[in-house]
Protein backbone atom coordinates (compact mmCIF):
# COMPACT_ATOMS: atom_id res chain seq x y z
CA MET A 1 41.10 -6.67 -13.43
CA SER A 2 44.21 -8.78 -13.84
CA LYS A 3 45.98 -7.81 -10.63
CA ILE A 4 45.03 -9.99 -7.70
CA MET A 5 43.93 -7.82 -4.82
CA GLU A 6 45.75 -8.07 -1.56
CA LYS A 7 43.97 -7.84 1.75
CA LYS A 8 45.26 -4.34 2.45
CA ASP A 9 44.03 -3.21 -0.97
CA TYR A 10 40.63 -4.64 -0.18
CA LYS A 11 40.50 -2.88 3.19
CA LEU A 12 41.43 0.44 1.59
CA LEU A 13 38.76 -0.08 -1.07
CA GLU A 14 36.20 -1.00 1.55
CA PHE A 15 37.01 2.21 3.41
CA LYS A 16 36.64 4.20 0.19
CA PHE A 17 33.32 2.57 -0.62
CA ASN A 18 32.04 3.50 2.82
CA GLU A 19 33.04 7.12 2.16
CA TRP A 20 31.40 7.05 -1.26
CA GLU A 21 28.28 5.55 0.25
CA GLN A 22 28.02 8.56 2.56
CA ASP A 23 28.54 10.92 -0.36
CA ILE A 24 25.90 9.17 -2.44
CA TYR A 25 23.47 9.30 0.46
CA ASN A 26 24.15 13.01 0.81
CA HIS A 27 23.95 13.77 -2.91
CA LYS A 28 20.71 12.59 -4.50
CA GLU A 29 21.78 14.00 -7.86
CA LEU A 30 24.82 11.74 -7.89
CA MET A 31 22.59 8.83 -6.96
CA GLU A 32 20.35 9.50 -9.96
CA SER A 33 23.38 9.69 -12.25
CA LEU A 34 24.64 6.35 -10.99
CA LYS A 35 21.21 4.81 -11.52
CA ALA A 36 21.14 6.15 -15.08
CA LEU A 37 24.59 4.67 -15.72
CA ALA A 38 23.53 1.33 -14.31
CA ASP A 39 20.60 1.22 -16.73
CA THR A 40 22.78 1.63 -19.85
């Protein structure tokens, strides 16, 4: 990623990751898919 992240970008991303974390926790199937991707 060539663009340097600004603090506000980071905060927005952090917020998104927290949302995604909830989704992943609630969707085991998605979790398994992510694990499979990580193994490739």
